[in-house]
């Protein structure tokens, strides 16, 4: 079944991170769309849960980007969490 989940990264500190995150997540099997919202500090991921789980998406972003991720409601906003400087 197609689902959408919103993740809240532990930080999105510089303009290069959203593009990198989108590329990583779009390369995962079953992911059909990714919207990175820099200002809201969130990532909406649309995926087929028969091919990949929320946990697998979360773990892959964490592994590739070194970020803690919290799943939440689609389109959700989380205050704070931006790094003060770019970690890349």
PDB file of N, CA and C in Angstrom:
ATOM      1  N   UNK A   1       0.834  -1.166   0.000  1.00  0.00           N
ATOM      2  CA  UNK A   1       0.000   0.000   0.000  1.00  0.00           C
ATOM      3  C   UNK A   1       0.895   1.250   0.000  1.00  0.00           C
ATOM      4  N   UNK A   2       0.477   2.263  -0.743  1.00  0.00           N
ATOM      5  CA  UNK A   2       1.231   3.510  -0.816  1.00  0.00           C
ATOM      6  C   UNK A   2       0.928   4.340   0.430  1.00  0.00           C
ATOM      7  N   UNK A   3       1.991   4.795   1.081  1.00  0.00           N
ATOM      8  CA  UNK A   3       1.865   5.599   2.293  1.00  0.00           C
ATOM      9  C   UNK A   3       2.776   6.819   2.188  1.00  0.00           C
ATOM     10  N   UNK A   4       2.488   7.812   3.006  1.00  0.00           N
ATOM     11  CA  UNK A   4       3.371   8.964   3.141  1.00  0.00           C
ATOM     12  C   UNK A   4       3.662   9.168   4.613  1.00  0.00           C
ATOM     13  N   UNK A   5       4.934   9.371   4.929  1.00  0.00           N
ATOM     14  CA  UNK A   5       5.348   9.653   6.299  1.00  0.00           C
ATOM     15  C   UNK A   5       6.232  10.894   6.266  1.00  0.00           C
ATOM     16  N   UNK A   6       6.166  11.673   7.316  1.00  0.00           N
ATOM     17  CA  UNK A   6       7.029  12.841   7.451  1.00  0.00           C
ATOM     18  C   UNK A   6       8.076  12.545   8.512  1.00  0.00           C
ATOM     19  N   UNK A   7       9.334  12.775   8.139  1.00  0.00           N
ATOM     20  CA  UNK A   7      10.435  12.621   9.081  1.00  0.00           C
ATOM     21  C   UNK A   7      10.909  14.003   9.496  1.00  0.00           C
ATOM     22  N   UNK A   8      11.425  14.071  10.709  1.00  0.00           N
ATOM     23  CA  UNK A   8      11.991  15.308  11.227  1.00  0.00           C
ATOM     24  C   UNK A   8      13.459  15.046  11.554  1.00  0.00           C
ATOM     25  N   UNK A   9      14.357  15.436  10.646  1.00  0.00           N
ATOM     26  CA  UNK A   9      15.786  15.198  10.885  1.00  0.00           C
ATOM     27  C   UNK A   9      16.264  15.948  12.119  1.00  0.00           C
ATOM     28  N   UNK A  10      17.304  15.413  12.744  1.00  0.00           N
ATOM     29  CA  UNK A  10      17.873  16.067  13.913  1.00  0.00           C
ATOM     30  C   UNK A  10      18.468  17.421  13.550  1.00  0.00           C
ATOM     31  N   UNK A  11      18.810  17.590  12.272  1.00  0.00           N
ATOM     32  CA  UNK A  11      19.310  18.886  11.804  1.00  0.00           C
ATOM     33  C   UNK A  11      19.220  18.950  10.283  1.00  0.00           C
ATOM     34  N   UNK A  12      18.929  20.105   9.781  1.00  0.00           N
ATOM     35  CA  UNK A  12      19.066  20.416   8.356  1.00  0.00           C
ATOM     36  C   UNK A  12      19.746  21.775   8.361  1.00  0.00           C
ATOM     37  N   UNK A  13      21.064  21.771   8.329  1.00  0.00           N
ATOM     38  CA  UNK A  13      21.805  22.989   8.611  1.00  0.00           C
ATOM     39  C   UNK A  13      22.297  23.800   7.437  1.00  0.00           C
ATOM     40  N   UNK A  14      22.314  23.249   6.251  1.00  0.00           N
ATOM     41  CA  UNK A  14      22.790  24.042   5.130  1.00  0.00           C
ATOM     42  C   UNK A  14      22.026  23.647   3.868  1.00  0.00           C
ATOM     43  N   UNK A  15      22.025  24.501   2.886  1.00  0.00           N
ATOM     44  CA  UNK A  15      21.223  24.258   1.676  1.00  0.00           C
ATOM     45  C   UNK A  15      21.577  23.005   0.888  1.00  0.00           C
ATOM     46  N   UNK A  16      22.759  22.431   1.078  1.00  0.00           N
ATOM     47  CA  UNK A  16      23.116  21.223   0.326  1.00  0.00           C
ATOM     48  C   UNK A  16      22.461  19.966   0.887  1.00  0.00           C
ATOM     49  N   UNK A  17      22.080  19.968   2.143  1.00  0.00           N
ATOM     50  CA  UNK A  17      21.546  18.767   2.777  1.00  0.00           C
ATOM     51  C   UNK A  17      20.226  18.301   2.164  1.00  0.00           C
ATOM     52  N   UNK A  18      19.245  19.178   1.911  1.00  0.00           N
ATOM     53  CA  UNK A  18      17.990  18.687   1.331  1.00  0.00           C
ATOM     54  C   UNK A  18      18.169  17.919   0.020  1.00  0.00           C
ATOM     55  N   UNK A  19      19.007  18.415  -0.870  1.00  0.00           N
ATOM     56  CA  UNK A  19      19.229  17.719  -2.132  1.00  0.00           C
ATOM     57  C   UNK A  19      19.889  16.374  -1.938  1.00  0.00           C
ATOM     58  N   UNK A  20      20.832  16.317  -1.017  1.00  0.00           N
ATOM     59  CA  UNK A  20      21.512  15.056  -0.712  1.00  0.00           C
ATOM     60  C   UNK A  20      20.533  14.056  -0.125  1.00  0.00           C
ATOM     61  N   UNK A  21      19.708  14.521   0.832  1.00  0.00           N
ATOM     62  CA  UNK A  21      18.705  13.638   1.435  1.00  0.00           C
ATOM     63  C   UNK A  21      17.738  13.111   0.391  1.00  0.00           C
ATOM     64  N   UNK A  22      17.268  13.998  -0.470  1.00  0.00           N
ATOM     65  CA  UNK A  22      16.304  13.582  -1.494  1.00  0.00           C
ATOM     66  C   UNK A  22      16.920  12.504  -2.384  1.00  0.00           C
ATOM     67  N   UNK A  23      18.146  12.682  -2.800  1.00  0.00           N
ATOM     68  CA  UNK A  23      18.812  11.691  -3.639  1.00  0.00           C
ATOM     69  C   UNK A  23      18.946  10.340  -2.954  1.00  0.00           C
ATOM     70  N   UNK A  24      19.311  10.356  -1.686  1.00  0.00           N
ATOM     71  CA  UNK A  24      19.453   9.112  -0.925  1.00  0.00           C
ATOM     72  C   UNK A  24      18.109   8.401  -0.815  1.00  0.00           C
ATOM     73  N   UNK A  25      17.079   9.132  -0.425  1.00  0.00           N
ATOM     74  CA  UNK A  25      15.779   8.512  -0.199  1.00  0.00           C
ATOM     75  C   UNK A  25      15.147   8.052  -1.512  1.00  0.00           C
ATOM     76  N   UNK A  26      15.270   8.832  -2.583  1.00  0.00           N
ATOM     77  CA  UNK A  26      14.695   8.444  -3.880  1.00  0.00           C
ATOM     78  C   UNK A  26      15.343   7.182  -4.437  1.00  0.00           C
ATOM     79  N   UNK A  27      16.565   6.876  -4.009  1.00  0.00           N
ATOM     80  CA  UNK A  27      17.244   5.679  -4.518  1.00  0.00           C
ATOM     81  C   UNK A  27      16.779   4.400  -3.810  1.00  0.00           C
ATOM     82  N   UNK A  28      15.983   4.533  -2.758  1.00  0.00           N
ATOM     83  CA  UNK A  28      15.520   3.355  -2.024  1.00  0.00           C
ATOM     84  C   UNK A  28      14.386   2.658  -2.770  1.00  0.00           C
ATOM     85  N   UNK A  29      14.341   1.322  -2.720  1.00  0.00           N
ATOM     86  CA  UNK A  29      13.271   0.599  -3.403  1.00  0.00           C
ATOM     87  C   UNK A  29      11.911   0.944  -2.796  1.00  0.00           C
ATOM     88  N   UNK A  30      10.928   1.186  -3.654  1.00  0.00           N
ATOM     89  CA  UNK A  30       9.574   1.458  -3.190  1.00  0.00           C
ATOM     90  C   UNK A  30       9.263   2.918  -2.939  1.00  0.00           C
ATOM     91  N   UNK A  31      10.289   3.786  -2.914  1.00  0.00           N
ATOM     92  CA  UNK A  31      10.054   5.214  -2.693  1.00  0.00           C
ATOM     93  C   UNK A  31       9.673   5.862  -4.019  1.00  0.00           C
ATOM     94  N   UNK A  32       8.533   6.564  -4.020  1.00  0.00           N
ATOM     95  CA  UNK A  32       8.061   7.194  -5.253  1.00  0.00           C
ATOM     96  C   UNK A  32       8.145   8.716  -5.239  1.00  0.00           C
ATOM     97  N   UNK A  33       8.241   9.330  -4.059  1.00  0.00           N
ATOM     98  CA  UNK A  33       8.320  10.786  -3.998  1.00  0.00           C
ATOM     99  C   UNK A  33       8.947  11.210  -2.681  1.00  0.00           C
ATOM    100  N   UNK A  34       9.707  12.298  -2.744  1.00  0.00           N
ATOM    101  CA  UNK A  34      10.342  12.875  -1.558  1.00  0.00           C
ATOM    102  C   UNK A  34      10.216  14.384  -1.653  1.00  0.00           C
ATOM    103  N   UNK A  35       9.723  14.992  -0.597  1.00  0.00           N
ATOM    104  CA  UNK A  35       9.657  16.452  -0.523  1.00  0.00           C
ATOM    105  C   UNK A  35      10.420  16.877   0.731  1.00  0.00           C
ATOM    106  N   UNK A  36      11.520  17.586   0.523  1.00  0.00           N
ATOM    107  CA  UNK A  36      12.303  18.095   1.641  1.00  0.00           C
ATOM    108  C   UNK A  36      11.872  19.532   1.876  1.00  0.00           C
ATOM    109  N   UNK A  37      11.446  19.817   3.074  1.00  0.00           N
ATOM    110  CA  UNK A  37      11.014  21.168   3.443  1.00  0.00           C
ATOM    111  C   UNK A  37      12.059  21.762   4.384  1.00  0.00           C
ATOM    112  N   UNK A  38      12.960  22.525   3.789  1.00  0.00           N
ATOM    113  CA  UNK A  38      14.086  23.101   4.535  1.00  0.00           C
ATOM    114  C   UNK A  38      13.600  23.985   5.679  1.00  0.00           C
ATOM    115  N   UNK A  39      12.688  24.888   5.393  1.00  0.00           N
ATOM    116  CA  UNK A  39      12.214  25.825   6.417  1.00  0.00           C
ATOM    117  C   UNK A  39      11.462  25.117   7.546  1.00  0.00           C
ATOM    118  N   UNK A  40      10.679  24.080   7.207  1.00  0.00           N
ATOM    119  CA  UNK A  40       9.909  23.344   8.213  1.00  0.00           C
ATOM    120  C   UNK A  40      10.726  22.249   8.893  1.00  0.00           C
ATOM    121  N   UNK A  41      11.927  22.010   8.356  1.00  0.00           N
ATOM    122  CA  UNK A  41      12.813  20.967   8.883  1.00  0.00           C
ATOM    123  C   UNK A  41      12.125  19.599   8.877  1.00  0.00           C
ATOM    124  N   UNK A  42      11.577  19.274   7.697  1.00  0.00           N
ATOM    125  CA  UNK A  42      10.888  17.990   7.577  1.00  0.00           C
ATOM    126  C   UNK A  42      11.094  17.405   6.187  1.00  0.00           C
ATOM    127  N   UNK A  43      10.873  16.093   6.093  1.00  0.00           N
ATOM    128  CA  UNK A  43      10.981  15.360   4.833  1.00  0.00           C
ATOM    129  C   UNK A  43       9.741  14.482   4.714  1.00  0.00           C
ATOM    130  N   UNK A  44       8.953  14.693   3.652  1.00  0.00           N
ATOM    131  CA  UNK A  44       7.790  13.847   3.371  1.00  0.00           C
ATOM    132  C   UNK A  44       8.221  12.772   2.378  1.00  0.00           C
ATOM    133  N   UNK A  45       8.001  11.524   2.722  1.00  0.00           N
ATOM    134  CA  UNK A  45       8.394  10.400   1.866  1.00  0.00           C
ATOM    135  C   UNK A  45       7.150   9.582   1.525  1.00  0.00           C
ATOM    136  N   UNK A  46       6.901   9.421   0.230  1.00  0.00           N
ATOM    137  CA  UNK A  46       5.812   8.570  -0.250  1.00  0.00           C
ATOM    138  C   UNK A  46       6.443   7.274  -0.730  1.00  0.00           C
ATOM    139  N   UNK A  47       5.905   6.147  -0.246  1.00  0.00           N
ATOM    140  CA  UNK A  47       6.543   4.860  -0.522  1.00  0.00           C
ATOM    141  C   UNK A  47       5.514   3.732  -0.501  1.00  0.00           C
ATOM    142  N   UNK A  48       5.916   2.605  -1.066  1.00  0.00           N
ATOM    143  CA  UNK A  48       5.113   1.388  -1.062  1.00  0.00           C
ATOM    144  C   UNK A  48       5.587   0.539   0.112  1.00  0.00           C
ATOM    145  N   UNK A  49       4.722   0.383   1.119  1.00  0.00           N
ATOM    146  CA  UNK A  49       5.148  -0.336   2.319  1.00  0.00           C
ATOM    147  C   UNK A  49       5.299  -1.840   2.111  1.00  0.00           C
ATOM    148  N   UNK A  50       4.952  -2.332   0.925  1.00  0.00           N
ATOM    149  CA  UNK A  50       5.223  -3.739   0.600  1.00  0.00           C
ATOM    150  C   UNK A  50       6.685  -3.920   0.185  1.00  0.00           C
ATOM    151  N   UNK A  51       7.352  -2.810  -0.162  1.00  0.00           N
ATOM    152  CA  UNK A  51       8.741  -2.870  -0.623  1.00  0.00           C
ATOM    153  C   UNK A  51       9.746  -2.340   0.390  1.00  0.00           C
ATOM    154  N   UNK A  52       9.315  -1.422   1.255  1.00  0.00           N
ATOM    155  CA  UNK A  52      10.226  -0.836   2.242  1.00  0.00           C
ATOM    156  C   UNK A  52       9.399  -0.338   3.428  1.00  0.00           C
ATOM    157  N   UNK A  53       9.988  -0.393   4.605  1.00  0.00           N
ATOM    158  CA  UNK A  53       9.280   0.046   5.810  1.00  0.00           C
ATOM    159  C   UNK A  53       9.739   1.439   6.236  1.00  0.00           C
ATOM    160  N   UNK A  54       8.945   2.051   7.090  1.00  0.00           N
ATOM    161  CA  UNK A  54       9.318   3.353   7.655  1.00  0.00           C
ATOM    162  C   UNK A  54      10.663   3.222   8.364  1.00  0.00           C
ATOM    163  N   UNK A  55      10.817   2.163   9.118  1.00  0.00           N
ATOM    164  CA  UNK A  55      12.071   1.952   9.856  1.00  0.00           C
ATOM    165  C   UNK A  55      13.275   1.835   8.917  1.00  0.00           C
ATOM    166  N   UNK A  56      13.113   1.128   7.796  1.00  0.00           N
ATOM    167  CA  UNK A  56      14.220   0.988   6.844  1.00  0.00           C
ATOM    168  C   UNK A  56      14.593   2.339   6.229  1.00  0.00           C
ATOM    169  N   UNK A  57      13.591   3.154   5.919  1.00  0.00           N
ATOM    170  CA  UNK A  57      13.866   4.491   5.383  1.00  0.00           C
ATOM    171  C   UNK A  57      14.615   5.308   6.432  1.00  0.00           C
ATOM    172  N   UNK A  58      14.107   5.287   7.632  1.00  0.00           N
ATOM    173  CA  UNK A  58      14.702   6.017   8.752  1.00  0.00           C
ATOM    174  C   UNK A  58      16.153   5.592   8.970  1.00  0.00           C
ATOM    175  N   UNK A  59      16.414   4.300   8.975  1.00  0.00           N
ATOM    176  CA  UNK A  59      17.765   3.787   9.194  1.00  0.00           C
ATOM    177  C   UNK A  59      18.709   4.173   8.062  1.00  0.00           C
ATOM    178  N   UNK A  60      18.229   4.131   6.832  1.00  0.00           N
ATOM    179  CA  UNK A  60      19.087   4.473   5.694  1.00  0.00           C
ATOM    180  C   UNK A  60      19.480   5.946   5.724  1.00  0.00           C
ATOM    181  N   UNK A  61      18.533   6.820   6.019  1.00  0.00           N
ATOM    182  CA  UNK A  61      18.864   8.250   6.131  1.00  0.00           C
ATOM    183  C   UNK A  61      19.869   8.452   7.264  1.00  0.00           C
ATOM    184  N   UNK A  62      19.627   7.816   8.379  1.00  0.00           N
ATOM    185  CA  UNK A  62      20.555   7.930   9.505  1.00  0.00           C
ATOM    186  C   UNK A  62      21.945   7.435   9.171  1.00  0.00           C
ATOM    187  N   UNK A  63      22.013   6.301   8.485  1.00  0.00           N
ATOM    188  CA  UNK A  63      23.304   5.712   8.120  1.00  0.00           C
ATOM    189  C   UNK A  63      24.047   6.603   7.120  1.00  0.00           C
ATOM    190  N   UNK A  64      23.355   7.054   6.098  1.00  0.00           N
ATOM    191  CA  UNK A  64      23.992   7.840   5.033  1.00  0.00           C
ATOM    192  C   UNK A  64      24.314   9.279   5.444  1.00  0.00           C
ATOM    193  N   UNK A  65      23.446   9.874   6.260  1.00  0.00           N
ATOM    194  CA  UNK A  65      23.592  11.287   6.596  1.00  0.00           C
ATOM    195  C   UNK A  65      24.080  11.524   8.025  1.00  0.00           C
ATOM    196  N   UNK A  66      24.083  10.482   8.846  1.00  0.00           N
ATOM    197  CA  UNK A  66      24.478  10.653  10.235  1.00  0.00           C
ATOM    198  C   UNK A  66      23.477  11.497  11.011  1.00  0.00           C
ATOM    199  N   UNK A  67      22.181  11.332  10.689  1.00  0.00           N
ATOM    200  CA  UNK A  67      21.128  12.117  11.322  1.00  0.00           C
ATOM    201  C   UNK A  67      20.171  11.229  12.092  1.00  0.00           C
ATOM    202  N   UNK A  68      19.739  11.687  13.237  1.00  0.00           N
ATOM    203  CA  UNK A  68      18.640  11.028  13.941  1.00  0.00           C
ATOM    204  C   UNK A  68      17.359  11.483  13.268  1.00  0.00           C
ATOM    205  N   UNK A  69      16.420  10.568  13.091  1.00  0.00           N
ATOM    206  CA  UNK A  69      15.174  10.886  12.399  1.00  0.00           C
ATOM    207  C   UNK A  69      13.994  10.508  13.272  1.00  0.00           C
ATOM    208  N   UNK A  70      12.983  11.367  13.296  1.00  0.00           N
ATOM    209  CA  UNK A  70      11.737  11.078  14.002  1.00  0.00           C
ATOM    210  C   UNK A  70      10.613  11.045  12.980  1.00  0.00           C
ATOM    211  N   UNK A  71       9.887   9.910  12.853  1.00  0.00           N
ATOM    212  CA  UNK A  71       8.731   9.924  11.954  1.00  0.00           C
ATOM    213  C   UNK A  71       7.586  10.692  12.598  1.00  0.00           C
ATOM    214  N   UNK A  72       6.751  11.308  11.757  1.00  0.00           N
ATOM    215  CA  UNK A  72       5.607  12.062  12.245  1.00  0.00           C
ATOM    216  C   UNK A  72       4.490  12.052  11.220  1.00  0.00           C
ATOM    217  N   UNK A  73       3.561  12.941  11.369  1.00  0.00           N
ATOM    218  CA  UNK A  73       2.434  13.036  10.450  1.00  0.00           C
ATOM    219  C   UNK A  73       2.859  13.709   9.152  1.00  0.00           C
ATOM    220  N   UNK A  74       2.307  13.292   7.991  1.00  0.00           N
ATOM    221  CA  UNK A  74       2.622  13.938   6.717  1.00  0.00           C
ATOM    222  C   UNK A  74       2.357  15.437   6.781  1.00  0.00           C
ATOM    223  N   UNK A  75       3.323  16.204   6.264  1.00  0.00           N
ATOM    224  CA  UNK A  75       3.182  17.653   6.236  1.00  0.00           C
ATOM    225  C   UNK A  75       3.430  18.317   7.573  1.00  0.00           C
ATOM    226  N   UNK A  76       3.851  17.525   8.556  1.00  0.00           N
ATOM    227  CA  UNK A  76       4.052  18.060   9.897  1.00  0.00           C
ATOM    228  C   UNK A  76       5.243  18.982   9.973  1.00  0.00           C
ATOM    229  N   UNK A  77       5.219  19.860  10.967  1.00  0.00           N
ATOM    230  CA  UNK A  77       6.300  20.802  11.177  1.00  0.00           C
ATOM    231  C   UNK A  77       6.877  20.581  12.562  1.00  0.00           C
ATOM    232  N   UNK A  78       8.171  20.723  12.678  1.00  0.00           N
ATOM    233  CA  UNK A  78       8.819  20.603  13.970  1.00  0.00           C
ATOM    234  C   UNK A  78       9.672  21.844  14.170  1.00  0.00           C
ATOM    235  N   UNK A  79       9.541  22.456  15.291  1.00  0.00           N
ATOM    236  CA  UNK A  79      10.338  23.634  15.602  1.00  0.00           C
ATOM    237  C   UNK A  79      11.737  23.215  16.009  1.00  0.00           C
ATOM    238  N   UNK A  80      12.704  24.077  15.728  1.00  0.00           N
ATOM    239  CA  UNK A  80      14.080  23.830  16.137  1.00  0.00           C
ATOM    240  C   UNK A  80      14.725  22.741  15.319  1.00  0.00           C
ATOM    241  N   UNK A  81      15.924  22.310  15.739  1.00  0.00           N
ATOM    242  CA  UNK A  81      16.580  21.191  15.104  1.00  0.00           C
ATOM    243  C   UNK A  81      17.560  21.522  14.006  1.00  0.00           C
ATOM    244  N   UNK A  82      17.659  22.763  13.596  1.00  0.00           N
ATOM    245  CA  UNK A  82      18.610  23.102  12.540  1.00  0.00           C
ATOM    246  C   UNK A  82      19.995  23.258  13.152  1.00  0.00           C
ATOM    247  N   UNK A  83      20.989  22.782  12.440  1.00  0.00           N
ATOM    248  CA  UNK A  83      22.345  22.965  12.903  1.00  0.00           C
ATOM    249  C   UNK A  83      22.736  24.419  12.710  1.00  0.00           C
ATOM    250  N   UNK A  84      23.613  24.905  13.556  1.00  0.00           N
ATOM    251  CA  UNK A  84      24.060  26.281  13.421  1.00  0.00           C
ATOM    252  C   UNK A  84      25.046  26.442  12.279  1.00  0.00           C
ATOM    253  N   UNK A  85      25.721  25.382  11.914  1.00  0.00           N
ATOM    254  CA  UNK A  85      26.629  25.439  10.790  1.00  0.00           C
ATOM    255  C   UNK A  85      26.455  24.174   9.963  1.00  0.00           C
ATOM    256  N   UNK A  86      26.867  24.251   8.736  1.00  0.00           N
ATOM    257  CA  UNK A  86      26.720  23.127   7.825  1.00  0.00           C
ATOM    258  C   UNK A  86      27.666  21.997   8.211  1.00  0.00           C
ATOM    259  N   UNK A  87      27.130  20.783   8.437  1.00  0.00           N
ATOM    260  CA  UNK A  87      27.986  19.667   8.826  1.00  0.00           C
ATOM    261  C   UNK A  87      28.688  19.015   7.653  1.00  0.00           C
ATOM    262  N   UNK A  88      28.401  19.444   6.447  1.00  0.00           N
ATOM    263  CA  UNK A  88      28.963  18.782   5.268  1.00  0.00           C
ATOM    264  C   UNK A  88      30.280  19.422   4.891  1.00  0.00           C
TER     265      UNK A  88
END
